Amino acid sequence: MKPMLYQIFAMAVIWIGMVFFYQEMDQVSKFIFYLVSSWLLLLIVLFVKQILRKRNQTN
């Protein structure tokens, strides 16, 4: 669970850095931004799913 949390944190830092330069991005950069956003959302969903699964197994 810790490696996924570290990856979420790293991707969030990259995403926040990209948000500041969104207006200056060209089409390729925006595509990369949307790719990073999608990957970050997927990681968050998988992390929450893992937490819920662990919580249900303990009960």
Protein backbone atom coordinates (compact mmCIF):
# COMPACT_ATOMS: atom_id res chain seq x y z
CA MET A 1 0.00 0.00 0.00
CA LYS A 2 2.89 2.38 0.68
CA PRO A 3 4.32 2.21 -2.87
CA MET A 4 0.94 3.18 -4.31
CA LEU A 5 0.69 6.07 -1.86
CA TYR A 6 4.16 7.27 -2.84
CA GLN A 7 3.24 7.06 -6.52
CA ILE A 8 0.05 9.05 -5.91
CA PHE A 9 2.06 11.68 -4.07
CA ALA A 10 4.67 11.90 -6.84
CA MET A 11 2.05 12.14 -9.59
CA ALA A 12 0.16 14.79 -7.60
CA VAL A 13 3.30 16.91 -7.34
CA ILE A 14 3.89 16.59 -11.09
CA TRP A 15 0.22 17.37 -11.82
CA ILE A 16 0.26 20.49 -9.60
CA GLY A 17 3.40 21.68 -11.38
CA MET A 18 1.73 21.20 -14.76
CA VAL A 19 -1.41 23.10 -13.68
CA PHE A 20 0.59 26.31 -13.26
CA PHE A 21 1.71 26.17 -16.90
CA TYR A 22 -1.55 24.96 -18.46
CA GLN A 23 -2.17 28.21 -20.39
CA GLU A 24 1.27 28.00 -22.02
CA MET A 25 0.93 24.38 -23.15
CA ASP A 26 0.69 23.27 -26.76
CA GLN A 27 -1.41 20.30 -27.94
CA VAL A 28 1.17 17.63 -27.09
CA SER A 29 1.72 19.07 -23.63
CA LYS A 30 -2.03 19.14 -22.99
CA PHE A 31 -2.26 15.50 -24.07
CA ILE A 32 0.46 14.62 -21.55
CA PHE A 33 -1.41 16.65 -18.92
CA TYR A 34 -4.62 14.71 -19.57
CA LEU A 35 -2.69 11.44 -19.48
CA VAL A 36 -1.16 12.33 -16.09
CA SER A 37 -4.59 13.40 -14.82
CA SER A 38 -6.15 10.11 -15.90
CA TRP A 39 -3.36 8.09 -14.33
CA LEU A 40 -3.65 10.04 -11.07
CA LEU A 41 -7.41 9.50 -10.92
CA LEU A 42 -6.96 5.78 -11.61
CA LEU A 43 -4.40 5.50 -8.82
CA ILE A 44 -6.71 7.29 -6.39
CA VAL A 45 -9.62 4.98 -7.27
CA LEU A 46 -7.45 1.87 -6.89
CA PHE A 47 -6.10 3.14 -3.57
CA VAL A 48 -9.59 3.79 -2.18
CA LYS A 49 -10.73 0.39 -3.45
CA GLN A 50 -7.79 -1.25 -1.69
CA ILE A 51 -8.58 0.55 1.57
CA LEU A 52 -12.24 -0.48 1.40
CA ARG A 53 -11.33 -4.07 0.61
CA LYS A 54 -8.95 -4.18 3.58
CA ARG A 55 -11.59 -2.67 5.86
CA ASN A 56 -14.18 -5.27 4.77
CA GLN A 57 -11.76 -8.15 5.36
CA THR A 58 -11.08 -7.06 8.94
CA ASN A 59 -14.80 -6.84 9.79
